Each structure stands twice: as structure tokens, then as C-alpha cells.
Amino acid sequence: MSVMEDLIEINPKIMVGKPVIKGTRITVDLILEKLAAGETVEDILNSYPHLDRTQILACLEYAHRSISSDFVFPFVRETA
């Protein structure tokens, strides 16, 4: 079992089944959104002091494994 599997869970009773950091209601996509917006790991840890660096890195590992699978969802841009 990898670190990611120890730290990320998917449970239909928590956040409608979105992947979350175990023991929290903080979704992987929230962490990824913050990183994509330019926040650093340190910024996130300051905002969520009950998290640690390993949990943030587990979110990145989850994302990596998700997009390195055989099927990737195409990016569709909506036009106005």
C-alpha cells in the first residue's frame, strides 16, 4: 500500500464520494485548485494547520495516478 492509499479515501458518505484527505472533509480537488492558483504547500499548511506536508503530497500522487491511467478525459473549452 502506498502513502497515498493510507492518506486519501473515497467514501460515498463523505463529500458525496469525492476523494478526501482521510479524517477530514478536505477534498483532493480543493488542494489541487489551491496549488494551481499559485498557493504554495506552506500557504495551504498555514490555512489548514491540522494538515501536514505528506497529506498534500498524497493529493498530488492521487492526481498523478488519476491522469496516468489508460483513459484521460478530454479538456473541453466552453465558448460564450
PDB file of N, CA and C in Angstrom:
ATOM      1  N   MET A   1       0.850  -1.181   0.000  1.00  0.00           N
ATOM      2  CA  MET A   1       0.000   0.000   0.000  1.00  0.00           C
ATOM      3  C   MET A   1       0.896   1.244   0.000  1.00  0.00           C
ATOM      4  N   SER A   2       0.566   2.203  -0.844  1.00  0.00           N
ATOM      5  CA  SER A   2       1.358   3.430  -0.931  1.00  0.00           C
ATOM      6  C   SER A   2       0.907   4.423   0.139  1.00  0.00           C
ATOM      7  N   VAL A   3       1.706   5.457   0.312  1.00  0.00           N
ATOM      8  CA  VAL A   3       1.349   6.533   1.241  1.00  0.00           C
ATOM      9  C   VAL A   3       0.010   7.128   0.838  1.00  0.00           C
ATOM     10  N   MET A   4      -0.185   7.296  -0.469  1.00  0.00           N
ATOM     11  CA  MET A   4      -1.441   7.872  -0.937  1.00  0.00           C
ATOM     12  C   MET A   4      -2.630   7.041  -0.470  1.00  0.00           C
ATOM     13  N   GLU A   5      -2.529   5.739  -0.575  1.00  0.00           N
ATOM     14  CA  GLU A   5      -3.644   4.882  -0.183  1.00  0.00           C
ATOM     15  C   GLU A   5      -3.914   4.949   1.316  1.00  0.00           C
ATOM     16  N   ASP A   6      -2.899   5.274   2.100  1.00  0.00           N
ATOM     17  CA  ASP A   6      -3.082   5.438   3.542  1.00  0.00           C
ATOM     18  C   ASP A   6      -3.728   6.779   3.884  1.00  0.00           C
ATOM     19  N   LEU A   7      -3.593   7.782   3.009  1.00  0.00           N
ATOM     20  CA  LEU A   7      -3.978   9.144   3.351  1.00  0.00           C
ATOM     21  C   LEU A   7      -5.181   9.693   2.591  1.00  0.00           C
ATOM     22  N   ILE A   8      -5.550   9.060   1.497  1.00  0.00           N
ATOM     23  CA  ILE A   8      -6.688   9.527   0.685  1.00  0.00           C
ATOM     24  C   ILE A   8      -7.778   8.461   0.721  1.00  0.00           C
ATOM     25  N   GLU A   9      -9.012   8.900   0.911  1.00  0.00           N
ATOM     26  CA  GLU A   9     -10.115   7.936   0.907  1.00  0.00           C
ATOM     27  C   GLU A   9     -11.262   8.429   0.036  1.00  0.00           C
ATOM     28  N   ILE A  10     -12.010   7.465  -0.452  1.00  0.00           N
ATOM     29  CA  ILE A  10     -13.231   7.748  -1.197  1.00  0.00           C
ATOM     30  C   ILE A  10     -14.343   6.996  -0.491  1.00  0.00           C
ATOM     31  N   ASN A  11     -15.299   7.764   0.009  1.00  0.00           N
ATOM     32  CA  ASN A  11     -16.407   7.191   0.764  1.00  0.00           C
ATOM     33  C   ASN A  11     -17.666   7.941   0.343  1.00  0.00           C
ATOM     34  N   PRO A  12     -18.652   7.231  -0.175  1.00  0.00           N
ATOM     35  CA  PRO A  12     -19.863   7.913  -0.642  1.00  0.00           C
ATOM     36  C   PRO A  12     -20.566   8.727   0.446  1.00  0.00           C
ATOM     37  N   LYS A  13     -20.269   8.468   1.711  1.00  0.00           N
ATOM     38  CA  LYS A  13     -20.900   9.197   2.810  1.00  0.00           C
ATOM     39  C   LYS A  13     -20.142  10.476   3.165  1.00  0.00           C
ATOM     40  N   ILE A  14     -18.975  10.681   2.556  1.00  0.00           N
ATOM     41  CA  ILE A  14     -18.171  11.870   2.839  1.00  0.00           C
ATOM     42  C   ILE A  14     -18.005  12.659   1.549  1.00  0.00           C
ATOM     43  N   MET A  15     -18.477  13.893   1.550  1.00  0.00           N
ATOM     44  CA  MET A  15     -18.350  14.795   0.395  1.00  0.00           C
ATOM     45  C   MET A  15     -18.829  14.142  -0.900  1.00  0.00           C
ATOM     46  N   VAL A  16     -19.915  13.415  -0.820  1.00  0.00           N
ATOM     47  CA  VAL A  16     -20.565  12.769  -1.966  1.00  0.00           C
ATOM     48  C   VAL A  16     -19.607  11.847  -2.735  1.00  0.00           C
ATOM     49  N   GLY A  17     -18.659  11.260  -2.033  1.00  0.00           N
ATOM     50  CA  GLY A  17     -17.754  10.305  -2.658  1.00  0.00           C
ATOM     51  C   GLY A  17     -16.538  10.899  -3.328  1.00  0.00           C
ATOM     52  N   LYS A  18     -16.335  12.214  -3.214  1.00  0.00           N
ATOM     53  CA  LYS A  18     -15.106  12.800  -3.767  1.00  0.00           C
ATOM     54  C   LYS A  18     -13.924  12.312  -2.945  1.00  0.00           C
ATOM     55  N   PRO A  19     -12.761  12.161  -3.557  1.00  0.00           N
ATOM     56  CA  PRO A  19     -11.585  11.782  -2.773  1.00  0.00           C
ATOM     57  C   PRO A  19     -11.221  12.895  -1.791  1.00  0.00           C
ATOM     58  N   VAL A  20     -10.999  12.500  -0.536  1.00  0.00           N
ATOM     59  CA  VAL A  20     -10.672  13.444   0.525  1.00  0.00           C
ATOM     60  C   VAL A  20      -9.427  12.966   1.277  1.00  0.00           C
ATOM     61  N   ILE A  21      -8.821  13.890   1.995  1.00  0.00           N
ATOM     62  CA  ILE A  21      -7.759  13.514   2.909  1.00  0.00           C
ATOM     63  C   ILE A  21      -8.429  12.807   4.078  1.00  0.00           C
ATOM     64  N   LYS A  22      -7.983  11.593   4.381  1.00  0.00           N
ATOM     65  CA  LYS A  22      -8.612  10.793   5.435  1.00  0.00           C
ATOM     66  C   LYS A  22      -8.735  11.585   6.728  1.00  0.00           C
ATOM     67  N   GLY A  23      -9.889  11.423   7.365  1.00  0.00           N
ATOM     68  CA  GLY A  23     -10.138  12.071   8.634  1.00  0.00           C
ATOM     69  C   GLY A  23     -10.546  13.529   8.522  1.00  0.00           C
ATOM     70  N   THR A  24     -10.728  13.996   7.269  1.00  0.00           N
ATOM     71  CA  THR A  24     -11.133  15.380   7.036  1.00  0.00           C
ATOM     72  C   THR A  24     -12.249  15.395   6.003  1.00  0.00           C
ATOM     73  N   ARG A  25     -12.745  16.570   5.752  1.00  0.00           N
ATOM     74  CA  ARG A  25     -13.677  16.790   4.643  1.00  0.00           C
ATOM     75  C   ARG A  25     -12.995  17.670   3.596  1.00  0.00           C
ATOM     76  N   ILE A  26     -11.676  17.659   3.593  1.00  0.00           N
ATOM     77  CA  ILE A  26     -10.898  18.447   2.629  1.00  0.00           C
ATOM     78  C   ILE A  26     -10.665  17.577   1.404  1.00  0.00           C
ATOM     79  N   THR A  27     -11.215  18.029   0.272  1.00  0.00           N
ATOM     80  CA  THR A  27     -11.135  17.232  -0.949  1.00  0.00           C
ATOM     81  C   THR A  27      -9.788  17.412  -1.641  1.00  0.00           C
ATOM     82  N   VAL A  28      -9.419  16.364  -2.366  1.00  0.00           N
ATOM     83  CA  VAL A  28      -8.198  16.418  -3.172  1.00  0.00           C
ATOM     84  C   VAL A  28      -8.309  17.562  -4.171  1.00  0.00           C
ATOM     85  N   ASP A  29      -9.475  17.735  -4.781  1.00  0.00           N
ATOM     86  CA  ASP A  29      -9.605  18.791  -5.784  1.00  0.00           C
ATOM     87  C   ASP A  29      -9.441  20.185  -5.175  1.00  0.00           C
ATOM     88  N   LEU A  30      -9.805  20.388  -3.917  1.00  0.00           N
ATOM     89  CA  LEU A  30      -9.576  21.680  -3.275  1.00  0.00           C
ATOM     90  C   LEU A  30      -8.079  21.955  -3.153  1.00  0.00           C
ATOM     91  N   ILE A  31      -7.333  20.948  -2.735  1.00  0.00           N
ATOM     92  CA  ILE A  31      -5.884  21.112  -2.608  1.00  0.00           C
ATOM     93  C   ILE A  31      -5.262  21.387  -3.974  1.00  0.00           C
ATOM     94  N   LEU A  32      -5.679  20.646  -4.984  1.00  0.00           N
ATOM     95  CA  LEU A  32      -5.141  20.855  -6.334  1.00  0.00           C
ATOM     96  C   LEU A  32      -5.504  22.237  -6.868  1.00  0.00           C
ATOM     97  N   GLU A  33      -6.726  22.682  -6.594  1.00  0.00           N
ATOM     98  CA  GLU A  33      -7.162  24.007  -7.027  1.00  0.00           C
ATOM     99  C   GLU A  33      -6.283  25.093  -6.396  1.00  0.00           C
ATOM    100  N   LYS A  34      -5.991  24.951  -5.120  1.00  0.00           N
ATOM    101  CA  LYS A  34      -5.156  25.932  -4.431  1.00  0.00           C
ATOM    102  C   LYS A  34      -3.740  25.940  -5.002  1.00  0.00           C
ATOM    103  N   LEU A  35      -3.185  24.771  -5.261  1.00  0.00           N
ATOM    104  CA  LEU A  35      -1.843  24.704  -5.852  1.00  0.00           C
ATOM    105  C   LEU A  35      -1.834  25.299  -7.256  1.00  0.00           C
ATOM    106  N   ALA A  36      -2.867  24.999  -8.041  1.00  0.00           N
ATOM    107  CA  ALA A  36      -2.965  25.536  -9.405  1.00  0.00           C
ATOM    108  C   ALA A  36      -3.118  27.047  -9.403  1.00  0.00           C
ATOM    109  N   ALA A  37      -3.710  27.596  -8.341  1.00  0.00           N
ATOM    110  CA  ALA A  37      -3.899  29.043  -8.239  1.00  0.00           C
ATOM    111  C   ALA A  37      -2.630  29.752  -7.757  1.00  0.00           C
ATOM    112  N   GLY A  38      -1.595  28.968  -7.480  1.00  0.00           N
ATOM    113  CA  GLY A  38      -0.324  29.573  -7.098  1.00  0.00           C
ATOM    114  C   GLY A  38       0.009  29.516  -5.620  1.00  0.00           C
ATOM    115  N   GLU A  39      -0.899  28.941  -4.824  1.00  0.00           N
ATOM    116  CA  GLU A  39      -0.579  28.801  -3.403  1.00  0.00           C
ATOM    117  C   GLU A  39       0.526  27.758  -3.253  1.00  0.00           C
ATOM    118  N   THR A  40       1.372  27.969  -2.276  1.00  0.00           N
ATOM    119  CA  THR A  40       2.434  27.006  -2.004  1.00  0.00           C
ATOM    120  C   THR A  40       1.936  25.988  -0.980  1.00  0.00           C
ATOM    121  N   VAL A  41       2.691  24.914  -0.840  1.00  0.00           N
ATOM    122  CA  VAL A  41       2.364  23.929   0.183  1.00  0.00           C
ATOM    123  C   VAL A  41       2.345  24.617   1.550  1.00  0.00           C
ATOM    124  N   GLU A  42       3.291  25.512   1.772  1.00  0.00           N
ATOM    125  CA  GLU A  42       3.344  26.229   3.046  1.00  0.00           C
ATOM    126  C   GLU A  42       2.097  27.091   3.258  1.00  0.00           C
ATOM    127  N   ASP A  43       1.610  27.735   2.192  1.00  0.00           N
ATOM    128  CA  ASP A  43       0.377  28.527   2.289  1.00  0.00           C
ATOM    129  C   ASP A  43      -0.791  27.646   2.734  1.00  0.00           C
ATOM    130  N   ILE A  44      -0.903  26.481   2.125  1.00  0.00           N
ATOM    131  CA  ILE A  44      -2.003  25.565   2.447  1.00  0.00           C
ATOM    132  C   ILE A  44      -1.874  25.079   3.891  1.00  0.00           C
ATOM    133  N   LEU A  45      -0.654  24.751   4.299  1.00  0.00           N
ATOM    134  CA  LEU A  45      -0.445  24.281   5.670  1.00  0.00           C
ATOM    135  C   LEU A  45      -0.755  25.375   6.682  1.00  0.00           C
ATOM    136  N   ASN A  46      -0.494  26.620   6.325  1.00  0.00           N
ATOM    137  CA  ASN A  46      -0.850  27.730   7.217  1.00  0.00           C
ATOM    138  C   ASN A  46      -2.361  27.901   7.311  1.00  0.00           C
ATOM    139  N   SER A  47      -3.067  27.674   6.198  1.00  0.00           N
ATOM    140  CA  SER A  47      -4.530  27.794   6.196  1.00  0.00           C
ATOM    141  C   SER A  47      -5.208  26.615   6.886  1.00  0.00           C
ATOM    142  N   TYR A  48      -4.573  25.458   6.819  1.00  0.00           N
ATOM    143  CA  TYR A  48      -5.125  24.225   7.392  1.00  0.00           C
ATOM    144  C   TYR A  48      -4.061  23.602   8.298  1.00  0.00           C
ATOM    145  N   PRO A  49      -3.859  24.159   9.493  1.00  0.00           N
ATOM    146  CA  PRO A  49      -2.753  23.713  10.349  1.00  0.00           C
ATOM    147  C   PRO A  49      -2.855  22.260  10.819  1.00  0.00           C
ATOM    148  N   HIS A  50      -4.031  21.645  10.680  1.00  0.00           N
ATOM    149  CA  HIS A  50      -4.169  20.242  11.069  1.00  0.00           C
ATOM    150  C   HIS A  50      -3.679  19.286   9.976  1.00  0.00           C
ATOM    151  N   LEU A  51      -3.321  19.828   8.801  1.00  0.00           N
ATOM    152  CA  LEU A  51      -2.754  19.010   7.727  1.00  0.00           C
ATOM    153  C   LEU A  51      -1.234  18.993   7.840  1.00  0.00           C
ATOM    154  N   ASP A  52      -0.623  18.028   7.145  1.00  0.00           N
ATOM    155  CA  ASP A  52       0.829  18.024   7.057  1.00  0.00           C
ATOM    156  C   ASP A  52       1.256  17.855   5.600  1.00  0.00           C
ATOM    157  N   ARG A  53       2.519  18.077   5.361  1.00  0.00           N
ATOM    158  CA  ARG A  53       3.079  18.046   4.005  1.00  0.00           C
ATOM    159  C   ARG A  53       2.794  16.711   3.310  1.00  0.00           C
ATOM    160  N   THR A  54       2.891  15.619   4.032  1.00  0.00           N
ATOM    161  CA  THR A  54       2.670  14.296   3.438  1.00  0.00           C
ATOM    162  C   THR A  54       1.263  14.173   2.873  1.00  0.00           C
ATOM    163  N   GLN A  55       0.277  14.752   3.529  1.00  0.00           N
ATOM    164  CA  GLN A  55      -1.093  14.702   3.034  1.00  0.00           C
ATOM    165  C   GLN A  55      -1.244  15.504   1.744  1.00  0.00           C
ATOM    166  N   ILE A  56      -0.576  16.640   1.667  1.00  0.00           N
ATOM    167  CA  ILE A  56      -0.626  17.451   0.446  1.00  0.00           C
ATOM    168  C   ILE A  56       0.032  16.686  -0.708  1.00  0.00           C
ATOM    169  N   LEU A  57       1.166  16.076  -0.437  1.00  0.00           N
ATOM    170  CA  LEU A  57       1.852  15.298  -1.475  1.00  0.00           C
ATOM    171  C   LEU A  57       1.029  14.082  -1.891  1.00  0.00           C
ATOM    172  N   ALA A  58       0.263  13.513  -0.978  1.00  0.00           N
ATOM    173  CA  ALA A  58      -0.621  12.396  -1.329  1.00  0.00           C
ATOM    174  C   ALA A  58      -1.694  12.844  -2.313  1.00  0.00           C
ATOM    175  N   CYS A  59      -2.158  14.086  -2.184  1.00  0.00           N
ATOM    176  CA  CYS A  59      -3.125  14.632  -3.152  1.00  0.00           C
ATOM    177  C   CYS A  59      -2.501  14.709  -4.538  1.00  0.00           C
ATOM    178  N   LEU A  60      -1.253  15.124  -4.603  1.00  0.00           N
ATOM    179  CA  LEU A  60      -0.559  15.188  -5.891  1.00  0.00           C
ATOM    180  C   LEU A  60      -0.355  13.787  -6.469  1.00  0.00           C
ATOM    181  N   GLU A  61      -0.014  12.842  -5.620  1.00  0.00           N
ATOM    182  CA  GLU A  61       0.142  11.460  -6.088  1.00  0.00           C
ATOM    183  C   GLU A  61      -1.182  10.930  -6.631  1.00  0.00           C
ATOM    184  N   TYR A  62      -2.285  11.228  -5.934  1.00  0.00           N
ATOM    185  CA  TYR A  62      -3.604  10.799  -6.396  1.00  0.00           C
ATOM    186  C   TYR A  62      -3.893  11.373  -7.784  1.00  0.00           C
ATOM    187  N   ALA A  63      -3.627  12.666  -7.947  1.00  0.00           N
ATOM    188  CA  ALA A  63      -3.861  13.315  -9.244  1.00  0.00           C
ATOM    189  C   ALA A  63      -2.999  12.674 -10.327  1.00  0.00           C
ATOM    190  N   HIS A  64      -1.751  12.428 -10.020  1.00  0.00           N
ATOM    191  CA  HIS A  64      -0.849  11.812 -10.996  1.00  0.00           C
ATOM    192  C   HIS A  64      -1.365  10.441 -11.420  1.00  0.00           C
ATOM    193  N   ARG A  65      -1.735   9.626 -10.448  1.00  0.00           N
ATOM    194  CA  ARG A  65      -2.241   8.294 -10.789  1.00  0.00           C
ATOM    195  C   ARG A  65      -3.546   8.376 -11.573  1.00  0.00           C
ATOM    196  N   SER A  66      -4.363   9.364 -11.263  1.00  0.00           N
ATOM    197  CA  SER A  66      -5.641   9.504 -11.956  1.00  0.00           C
ATOM    198  C   SER A  66      -5.455   9.827 -13.430  1.00  0.00           C
ATOM    199  N   ILE A  67      -4.525  10.718 -13.744  1.00  0.00           N
ATOM    200  CA  ILE A  67      -4.368  11.104 -15.151  1.00  0.00           C
ATOM    201  C   ILE A  67      -3.387  10.226 -15.908  1.00  0.00           C
ATOM    202  N   SER A  68      -2.686   9.353 -15.212  1.00  0.00           N
ATOM    203  CA  SER A  68      -1.769   8.467 -15.925  1.00  0.00           C
ATOM    204  C   SER A  68      -2.430   7.130 -16.249  1.00  0.00           C
ATOM    205  N   SER A  69      -3.738   7.036 -16.039  1.00  0.00           N
ATOM    206  CA  SER A  69      -4.462   5.814 -16.377  1.00  0.00           C
ATOM    207  C   SER A  69      -4.647   5.739 -17.896  1.00  0.00           C
ATOM    208  N   ASP A  70      -5.250   4.670 -18.346  1.00  0.00           N
ATOM    209  CA  ASP A  70      -5.424   4.468 -19.780  1.00  0.00           C
ATOM    210  C   ASP A  70      -6.394   5.450 -20.412  1.00  0.00           C
ATOM    211  N   PHE A  71      -7.340   5.969 -19.635  1.00  0.00           N
ATOM    212  CA  PHE A  71      -8.331   6.886 -20.189  1.00  0.00           C
ATOM    213  C   PHE A  71      -8.166   8.256 -19.552  1.00  0.00           C
ATOM    214  N   VAL A  72      -8.045   9.259 -20.395  1.00  0.00           N
ATOM    215  CA  VAL A  72      -7.939  10.635 -19.919  1.00  0.00           C
ATOM    216  C   VAL A  72      -9.117  11.409 -20.489  1.00  0.00           C
ATOM    217  N   PHE A  73      -9.814  12.145 -19.639  1.00  0.00           N
ATOM    218  CA  PHE A  73     -10.937  12.940 -20.109  1.00  0.00           C
ATOM    219  C   PHE A  73     -10.419  14.122 -20.916  1.00  0.00           C
ATOM    220  N   PRO A  74     -10.963  14.342 -22.112  1.00  0.00           N
ATOM    221  CA  PRO A  74     -10.504  15.476 -22.921  1.00  0.00           C
ATOM    222  C   PRO A  74     -10.891  16.803 -22.279  1.00  0.00           C
ATOM    223  N   PHE A  75     -10.064  17.793 -22.486  1.00  0.00           N
ATOM    224  CA  PHE A  75     -10.328  19.130 -21.969  1.00  0.00           C
ATOM    225  C   PHE A  75     -11.189  19.854 -22.980  1.00  0.00           C
ATOM    226  N   VAL A  76     -12.372  20.269 -22.565  1.00  0.00           N
ATOM    227  CA  VAL A  76     -13.296  20.946 -23.460  1.00  0.00           C
ATOM    228  C   VAL A  76     -13.448  22.381 -22.985  1.00  0.00           C
ATOM    229  N   ARG A  77     -13.218  23.326 -23.887  1.00  0.00           N
ATOM    230  CA  ARG A  77     -13.392  24.732 -23.553  1.00  0.00           C
ATOM    231  C   ARG A  77     -14.767  25.177 -24.016  1.00  0.00           C
ATOM    232  N   GLU A  78     -15.468  25.820 -23.119  1.00  0.00           N
ATOM    233  CA  GLU A  78     -16.773  26.344 -23.480  1.00  0.00           C
ATOM    234  C   GLU A  78     -16.578  27.748 -24.033  1.00  0.00           C
ATOM    235  N   THR A  79     -17.285  28.050 -25.093  1.00  0.00           N
ATOM    236  CA  THR A  79     -17.215  29.396 -25.663  1.00  0.00           C
ATOM    237  C   THR A  79     -18.524  30.100 -25.421  1.00  0.00           C
ATOM    238  N   ALA A  80     -18.423  31.386 -25.262  1.00  0.00           N
ATOM    239  CA  ALA A  80     -19.638  32.182 -24.982  1.00  0.00           C
ATOM    240  C   ALA A  80     -20.386  32.498 -26.244  1.00  0.00           C
TER     241      ALA A  80
END
